[in-house]
Amino acid sequence: EARTGLQPTLSLSGGFNRADVAGVPQRTASPQS
């Protein structure tokens, strides 16, 4: 375990983005929403 101190590490993260405009959900992705 100690010898892994200088070994590389990989991590994967993910998320779900959603924005509402005037209370109406936007079903399509766009730079604005």
All heavy atoms as atom14 arrays in JSON, in Angstrom:
{
  "sequence": "EARTGLQPTLSLSGGFNRADVAGVPQRTASPQS",
  "atom14_mask": [
    [1, 1, 1, 1, 1, 1, 1, 1, 1, 0, 0, 0, 0, 0],
    [1, 1, 1, 1, 1, 0, 0, 0, 0, 0, 0, 0, 0, 0],
    [1, 1, 1, 1, 1, 1, 1, 1, 1, 1, 1, 0, 0, 0],
    [1, 1, 1, 1, 1, 1, 1, 0, 0, 0, 0, 0, 0, 0],
    [1, 1, 1, 1, 0, 0, 0, 0, 0, 0, 0, 0, 0, 0],
    [1, 1, 1, 1, 1, 1, 1, 1, 0, 0, 0, 0, 0, 0],
    [1, 1, 1, 1, 1, 1, 1, 1, 1, 0, 0, 0, 0, 0],
    [1, 1, 1, 1, 1, 1, 1, 0, 0, 0, 0, 0, 0, 0],
    [1, 1, 1, 1, 1, 1, 1, 0, 0, 0, 0, 0, 0, 0],
    [1, 1, 1, 1, 1, 1, 1, 1, 0, 0, 0, 0, 0, 0],
    [1, 1, 1, 1, 1, 1, 0, 0, 0, 0, 0, 0, 0, 0],
    [1, 1, 1, 1, 1, 1, 1, 1, 0, 0, 0, 0, 0, 0],
    [1, 1, 1, 1, 1, 1, 0, 0, 0, 0, 0, 0, 0, 0],
    [1, 1, 1, 1, 0, 0, 0, 0, 0, 0, 0, 0, 0, 0],
    [1, 1, 1, 1, 0, 0, 0, 0, 0, 0, 0, 0, 0, 0],
    [1, 1, 1, 1, 1, 1, 1, 1, 1, 1, 1, 0, 0, 0],
    [1, 1, 1, 1, 1, 1, 1, 1, 0, 0, 0, 0, 0, 0],
    [1, 1, 1, 1, 1, 1, 1, 1, 1, 1, 1, 0, 0, 0],
    [1, 1, 1, 1, 1, 0, 0, 0, 0, 0, 0, 0, 0, 0],
    [1, 1, 1, 1, 1, 1, 1, 1, 0, 0, 0, 0, 0, 0],
    [1, 1, 1, 1, 1, 1, 1, 0, 0, 0, 0, 0, 0, 0],
    [1, 1, 1, 1, 1, 0, 0, 0, 0, 0, 0, 0, 0, 0],
    [1, 1, 1, 1, 0, 0, 0, 0, 0, 0, 0, 0, 0, 0],
    [1, 1, 1, 1, 1, 1, 1, 0, 0, 0, 0, 0, 0, 0],
    [1, 1, 1, 1, 1, 1, 1, 0, 0, 0, 0, 0, 0, 0],
    [1, 1, 1, 1, 1, 1, 1, 1, 1, 0, 0, 0, 0, 0],
    [1, 1, 1, 1, 1, 1, 1, 1, 1, 1, 1, 0, 0, 0],
    [1, 1, 1, 1, 1, 1, 1, 0, 0, 0, 0, 0, 0, 0],
    [1, 1, 1, 1, 1, 0, 0, 0, 0, 0, 0, 0, 0, 0],
    [1, 1, 1, 1, 1, 1, 0, 0, 0, 0, 0, 0, 0, 0],
    [1, 1, 1, 1, 1, 1, 1, 0, 0, 0, 0, 0, 0, 0],
    [1, 1, 1, 1, 1, 1, 1, 1, 1, 0, 0, 0, 0, 0],
    [1, 1, 1, 1, 1, 1, 0, 0, 0, 0, 0, 0, 0, 0]
  ],
  "atom14_positions": [
    [[0.83, -1.21, 0.0], [0.0, 0.0, 0.0], [0.86, 1.26, 0.0], [0.59, 2.22, -0.72], [-0.91, 0.01, 1.22], [-1.78, 1.26, 1.32], [-2.53, 1.33, 2.63], [-2.34, 0.44, 3.49], [-3.29, 2.3, 2.82], [0.0, 0.0, 0.0], [0.0, 0.0, 0.0], [0.0, 0.0, 0.0], [0.0, 0.0, 0.0], [0.0, 0.0, 0.0]],
    [[1.93, 1.25, 0.82], [2.78, 2.44, 0.9], [3.46, 2.73, -0.43], [3.68, 3.9, -0.78], [3.84, 2.23, 2.0], [0.0, 0.0, 0.0], [0.0, 0.0, 0.0], [0.0, 0.0, 0.0], [0.0, 0.0, 0.0], [0.0, 0.0, 0.0], [0.0, 0.0, 0.0], [0.0, 0.0, 0.0], [0.0, 0.0, 0.0], [0.0, 0.0, 0.0]],
    [[3.77, 1.71, -1.21], [4.46, 1.92, -2.48], [3.56, 2.49, -3.57], [4.06, 2.86, -4.63], [5.06, 0.59, -2.96], [6.24, 0.14, -2.1], [6.73, -1.23, -2.5], [7.89, -1.61, -1.7], [8.44, -2.83, -1.68], [7.89, -3.78, -2.45], [9.47, -3.1, -0.93], [0.0, 0.0, 0.0], [0.0, 0.0, 0.0], [0.0, 0.0, 0.0]],
    [[2.28, 2.59, -3.3], [1.36, 3.18, -4.3], [1.25, 4.69, -4.16], [0.46, 5.32, -4.87], [-0.04, 2.55, -4.15], [-0.56, 2.88, -2.85], [0.02, 1.04, -4.31], [0.0, 0.0, 0.0], [0.0, 0.0, 0.0], [0.0, 0.0, 0.0], [0.0, 0.0, 0.0], [0.0, 0.0, 0.0], [0.0, 0.0, 0.0], [0.0, 0.0, 0.0]],
    [[2.03, 5.27, -3.24], [1.91, 6.71, -2.99], [2.19, 7.57, -4.2], [1.61, 8.66, -4.34], [0.0, 0.0, 0.0], [0.0, 0.0, 0.0], [0.0, 0.0, 0.0], [0.0, 0.0, 0.0], [0.0, 0.0, 0.0], [0.0, 0.0, 0.0], [0.0, 0.0, 0.0], [0.0, 0.0, 0.0], [0.0, 0.0, 0.0], [0.0, 0.0, 0.0]],
    [[3.07, 7.16, -5.1], [3.42, 7.94, -6.29], [2.76, 7.38, -7.55], [3.15, 7.76, -8.66], [4.95, 7.97, -6.47], [5.72, 8.8, -5.44], [7.22, 8.67, -5.66], [5.3, 10.26, -5.48], [0.0, 0.0, 0.0], [0.0, 0.0, 0.0], [0.0, 0.0, 0.0], [0.0, 0.0, 0.0], [0.0, 0.0, 0.0], [0.0, 0.0, 0.0]],
    [[1.8, 6.48, -7.39], [1.11, 5.93, -8.54], [-0.07, 6.84, -8.94], [-0.63, 7.55, -8.09], [0.58, 4.52, -8.23], [1.67, 3.53, -7.88], [2.65, 3.35, -9.02], [2.26, 3.23, -10.18], [3.93, 3.33, -8.69], [0.0, 0.0, 0.0], [0.0, 0.0, 0.0], [0.0, 0.0, 0.0], [0.0, 0.0, 0.0], [0.0, 0.0, 0.0]],
    [[-0.45, 6.86, -10.24], [-1.56, 7.73, -10.67], [-2.9, 7.22, -10.15], [-3.07, 6.04, -9.84], [-1.49, 7.65, -12.19], [-0.85, 6.33, -12.47], [0.14, 6.11, -11.36], [0.0, 0.0, 0.0], [0.0, 0.0, 0.0], [0.0, 0.0, 0.0], [0.0, 0.0, 0.0], [0.0, 0.0, 0.0], [0.0, 0.0, 0.0], [0.0, 0.0, 0.0]],
    [[-3.85, 8.15, -10.06], [-5.21, 7.82, -9.67], [-6.18, 8.34, -10.71], [-5.95, 9.38, -11.33], [-5.56, 8.42, -8.3], [-5.41, 9.85, -8.36], [-4.65, 7.88, -7.21], [0.0, 0.0, 0.0], [0.0, 0.0, 0.0], [0.0, 0.0, 0.0], [0.0, 0.0, 0.0], [0.0, 0.0, 0.0], [0.0, 0.0, 0.0], [0.0, 0.0, 0.0]],
    [[-7.24, 7.6, -10.95], [-8.29, 7.98, -11.9], [-9.61, 8.06, -11.15], [-9.9, 7.22, -10.29], [-8.4, 6.96, -13.04], [-7.2, 6.83, -13.98], [-7.42, 5.68, -14.95], [-6.96, 8.13, -14.72], [0.0, 0.0, 0.0], [0.0, 0.0, 0.0], [0.0, 0.0, 0.0], [0.0, 0.0, 0.0], [0.0, 0.0, 0.0], [0.0, 0.0, 0.0]],
    [[-10.41, 9.06, -11.51], [-11.73, 9.2, -10.9], [-12.73, 9.62, -11.96], [-12.41, 10.35, -12.9], [-11.7, 10.23, -9.76], [-11.32, 11.51, -10.25], [0.0, 0.0, 0.0], [0.0, 0.0, 0.0], [0.0, 0.0, 0.0], [0.0, 0.0, 0.0], [0.0, 0.0, 0.0], [0.0, 0.0, 0.0], [0.0, 0.0, 0.0], [0.0, 0.0, 0.0]],
    [[-13.94, 9.14, -11.83], [-15.02, 9.46, -12.77], [-16.18, 10.05, -11.99], [-16.62, 9.49, -10.98], [-15.47, 8.18, -13.49], [-16.61, 8.34, -14.5], [-16.15, 9.22, -15.68], [-17.08, 6.97, -15.0], [0.0, 0.0, 0.0], [0.0, 0.0, 0.0], [0.0, 0.0, 0.0], [0.0, 0.0, 0.0], [0.0, 0.0, 0.0], [0.0, 0.0, 0.0]],
    [[-16.64, 11.2, -12.46], [-17.77, 11.86, -11.82], [-18.8, 12.21, -12.88], [-18.47, 12.41, -14.06], [-17.33, 13.11, -11.05], [-16.72, 14.04, -11.93], [0.0, 0.0, 0.0], [0.0, 0.0, 0.0], [0.0, 0.0, 0.0], [0.0, 0.0, 0.0], [0.0, 0.0, 0.0], [0.0, 0.0, 0.0], [0.0, 0.0, 0.0], [0.0, 0.0, 0.0]],
    [[-20.03, 12.31, -12.5], [-21.09, 12.64, -13.44], [-22.19, 13.43, -12.77], [-22.3, 13.46, -11.53], [0.0, 0.0, 0.0], [0.0, 0.0, 0.0], [0.0, 0.0, 0.0], [0.0, 0.0, 0.0], [0.0, 0.0, 0.0], [0.0, 0.0, 0.0], [0.0, 0.0, 0.0], [0.0, 0.0, 0.0], [0.0, 0.0, 0.0], [0.0, 0.0, 0.0]],
    [[-23.02, 14.1, -13.59], [-24.11, 14.88, -13.05], [-25.23, 15.05, -14.06], [-25.07, 14.78, -15.26], [0.0, 0.0, 0.0], [0.0, 0.0, 0.0], [0.0, 0.0, 0.0], [0.0, 0.0, 0.0], [0.0, 0.0, 0.0], [0.0, 0.0, 0.0], [0.0, 0.0, 0.0], [0.0, 0.0, 0.0], [0.0, 0.0, 0.0], [0.0, 0.0, 0.0]],
    [[-26.36, 15.48, -13.58], [-27.53, 15.73, -14.42], [-27.92, 17.18, -14.25], [-28.14, 17.66, -13.12], [-28.69, 14.82, -14.0], [-29.94, 15.02, -14.81], [-30.05, 14.48, -16.08], [-31.01, 15.78, -14.31], [-31.2, 14.65, -16.82], [-32.15, 15.97, -15.05], [-32.26, 15.4, -16.31], [0.0, 0.0, 0.0], [0.0, 0.0, 0.0], [0.0, 0.0, 0.0]],
    [[-27.97, 17.93, -15.36], [-28.27, 19.36, -15.32], [-29.67, 19.61, -15.89], [-30.05, 19.06, -16.91], [-27.26, 20.16, -16.13], [-25.85, 20.03, -15.55], [-25.72, 19.92, -14.34], [-24.84, 20.04, -16.4], [0.0, 0.0, 0.0], [0.0, 0.0, 0.0], [0.0, 0.0, 0.0], [0.0, 0.0, 0.0], [0.0, 0.0, 0.0], [0.0, 0.0, 0.0]],
    [[-30.43, 20.48, -15.22], [-31.75, 20.87, -15.69], [-32.03, 22.29, -15.21], [-31.78, 22.62, -14.05], [-32.8, 19.91, -15.15], [-34.23, 20.37, -15.49], [-35.24, 19.34, -15.07], [-36.6, 19.8, -15.31], [-37.67, 19.04, -15.24], [-37.52, 17.76, -14.94], [-38.88, 19.53, -15.46], [0.0, 0.0, 0.0], [0.0, 0.0, 0.0], [0.0, 0.0, 0.0]],
    [[-32.57, 23.13, -16.12], [-32.89, 24.51, -15.76], [-34.3, 24.82, -16.19], [-34.74, 24.42, -17.27], [-31.91, 25.49, -16.41], [0.0, 0.0, 0.0], [0.0, 0.0, 0.0], [0.0, 0.0, 0.0], [0.0, 0.0, 0.0], [0.0, 0.0, 0.0], [0.0, 0.0, 0.0], [0.0, 0.0, 0.0], [0.0, 0.0, 0.0], [0.0, 0.0, 0.0]],
    [[-35.04, 25.51, -15.4], [-36.4, 25.93, -15.71], [-36.42, 27.42, -16.07], [-35.72, 28.22, -15.45], [-37.34, 25.71, -14.52], [-37.54, 24.23, -14.25], [-37.25, 23.43, -15.16], [-37.95, 23.91, -13.12], [0.0, 0.0, 0.0], [0.0, 0.0, 0.0], [0.0, 0.0, 0.0], [0.0, 0.0, 0.0], [0.0, 0.0, 0.0], [0.0, 0.0, 0.0]],
    [[-37.24, 27.77, -17.07], [-37.42, 29.17, -17.47], [-38.86, 29.56, -17.19], [-39.79, 28.98, -17.77], [-37.09, 29.4, -18.97], [-37.34, 30.84, -19.34], [-35.66, 29.0, -19.24], [0.0, 0.0, 0.0], [0.0, 0.0, 0.0], [0.0, 0.0, 0.0], [0.0, 0.0, 0.0], [0.0, 0.0, 0.0], [0.0, 0.0, 0.0], [0.0, 0.0, 0.0]],
    [[-39.08, 30.48, -16.32], [-40.42, 30.97, -15.94], [-41.31, 29.81, -15.51], [-42.48, 29.73, -15.88], [-41.07, 31.75, -17.08], [0.0, 0.0, 0.0], [0.0, 0.0, 0.0], [0.0, 0.0, 0.0], [0.0, 0.0, 0.0], [0.0, 0.0, 0.0], [0.0, 0.0, 0.0], [0.0, 0.0, 0.0], [0.0, 0.0, 0.0], [0.0, 0.0, 0.0]],
    [[-40.67, 28.83, -14.81], [-41.46, 27.72, -14.29], [-41.76, 26.65, -15.29], [-42.47, 25.69, -14.99], [0.0, 0.0, 0.0], [0.0, 0.0, 0.0], [0.0, 0.0, 0.0], [0.0, 0.0, 0.0], [0.0, 0.0, 0.0], [0.0, 0.0, 0.0], [0.0, 0.0, 0.0], [0.0, 0.0, 0.0], [0.0, 0.0, 0.0], [0.0, 0.0, 0.0]],
    [[-41.27, 26.77, -16.53], [-41.54, 25.76, -17.56], [-40.28, 24.94, -17.79], [-39.25, 25.51, -18.17], [-41.97, 26.41, -18.88], [-42.22, 25.32, -19.93], [-43.22, 27.25, -18.65], [0.0, 0.0, 0.0], [0.0, 0.0, 0.0], [0.0, 0.0, 0.0], [0.0, 0.0, 0.0], [0.0, 0.0, 0.0], [0.0, 0.0, 0.0], [0.0, 0.0, 0.0]],
    [[-40.31, 23.66, -17.54], [-39.09, 22.86, -17.75], [-38.67, 22.88, -19.21], [-39.5, 22.82, -20.12], [-39.53, 21.46, -17.32], [-40.75, 21.66, -16.49], [-41.42, 22.86, -17.03], [0.0, 0.0, 0.0], [0.0, 0.0, 0.0], [0.0, 0.0, 0.0], [0.0, 0.0, 0.0], [0.0, 0.0, 0.0], [0.0, 0.0, 0.0], [0.0, 0.0, 0.0]],
    [[-37.35, 22.98, -19.41], [-36.8, 22.96, -20.77], [-36.42, 21.52, -21.09], [-35.61, 20.9, -20.4], [-35.57, 23.88, -20.87], [-35.87, 25.34, -20.49], [-36.86, 25.97, -21.45], [-36.71, 25.83, -22.67], [-37.88, 26.65, -20.92], [0.0, 0.0, 0.0], [0.0, 0.0, 0.0], [0.0, 0.0, 0.0], [0.0, 0.0, 0.0], [0.0, 0.0, 0.0]],
    [[-37.02, 20.97, -22.17], [-36.8, 19.59, -22.53], [-35.62, 19.39, -23.44], [-35.2, 18.27, -23.67], [-38.05, 19.04, -23.22], [-39.3, 19.09, -22.34], [-39.13, 18.23, -21.1], [-40.33, 18.22, -20.29], [-40.46, 17.59, -19.15], [-39.42, 16.9, -18.68], [-41.59, 17.63, -18.47], [0.0, 0.0, 0.0], [0.0, 0.0, 0.0], [0.0, 0.0, 0.0]],
    [[-35.09, 20.46, -23.98], [-33.96, 20.33, -24.9], [-32.8, 21.12, -24.36], [-32.97, 22.13, -23.66], [-34.32, 20.86, -26.3], [-34.71, 22.23, -26.2], [-35.45, 20.04, -26.88], [0.0, 0.0, 0.0], [0.0, 0.0, 0.0], [0.0, 0.0, 0.0], [0.0, 0.0, 0.0], [0.0, 0.0, 0.0], [0.0, 0.0, 0.0], [0.0, 0.0, 0.0]],
    [[-31.62, 20.63, -24.66], [-30.43, 21.31, -24.17], [-30.04, 22.42, -25.11], [-30.13, 22.3, -26.33], [-29.28, 20.29, -24.06], [0.0, 0.0, 0.0], [0.0, 0.0, 0.0], [0.0, 0.0, 0.0], [0.0, 0.0, 0.0], [0.0, 0.0, 0.0], [0.0, 0.0, 0.0], [0.0, 0.0, 0.0], [0.0, 0.0, 0.0], [0.0, 0.0, 0.0]],
    [[-29.61, 23.48, -24.52], [-29.13, 24.63, -25.3], [-28.16, 25.4, -24.45], [-28.13, 25.23, -23.23], [-30.31, 25.52, -25.7], [-30.89, 26.11, -24.55], [0.0, 0.0, 0.0], [0.0, 0.0, 0.0], [0.0, 0.0, 0.0], [0.0, 0.0, 0.0], [0.0, 0.0, 0.0], [0.0, 0.0, 0.0], [0.0, 0.0, 0.0], [0.0, 0.0, 0.0]],
    [[-27.33, 26.24, -25.04], [-26.4, 27.02, -24.23], [-27.11, 27.86, -23.18], [-26.57, 28.1, -22.11], [-25.67, 27.87, -25.26], [-25.77, 27.09, -26.53], [-27.12, 26.46, -26.48], [0.0, 0.0, 0.0], [0.0, 0.0, 0.0], [0.0, 0.0, 0.0], [0.0, 0.0, 0.0], [0.0, 0.0, 0.0], [0.0, 0.0, 0.0], [0.0, 0.0, 0.0]],
    [[-28.35, 28.32, -23.49], [-29.04, 29.17, -22.53], [-29.7, 28.33, -21.41], [-29.85, 28.79, -20.29], [-30.12, 30.01, -23.25], [-29.58, 31.08, -24.18], [-29.11, 30.49, -25.5], [-29.51, 29.35, -25.84], [-28.25, 31.2, -26.21], [0.0, 0.0, 0.0], [0.0, 0.0, 0.0], [0.0, 0.0, 0.0], [0.0, 0.0, 0.0], [0.0, 0.0, 0.0]],
    [[-30.1, 27.15, -21.75], [-30.76, 26.3, -20.75], [-30.21, 24.87, -20.84], [-30.79, 24.02, -21.51], [-32.27, 26.28, -20.97], [-32.57, 25.8, -22.26], [0.0, 0.0, 0.0], [0.0, 0.0, 0.0], [0.0, 0.0, 0.0], [0.0, 0.0, 0.0], [0.0, 0.0, 0.0], [0.0, 0.0, 0.0], [0.0, 0.0, 0.0], [0.0, 0.0, 0.0]]
  ]
}
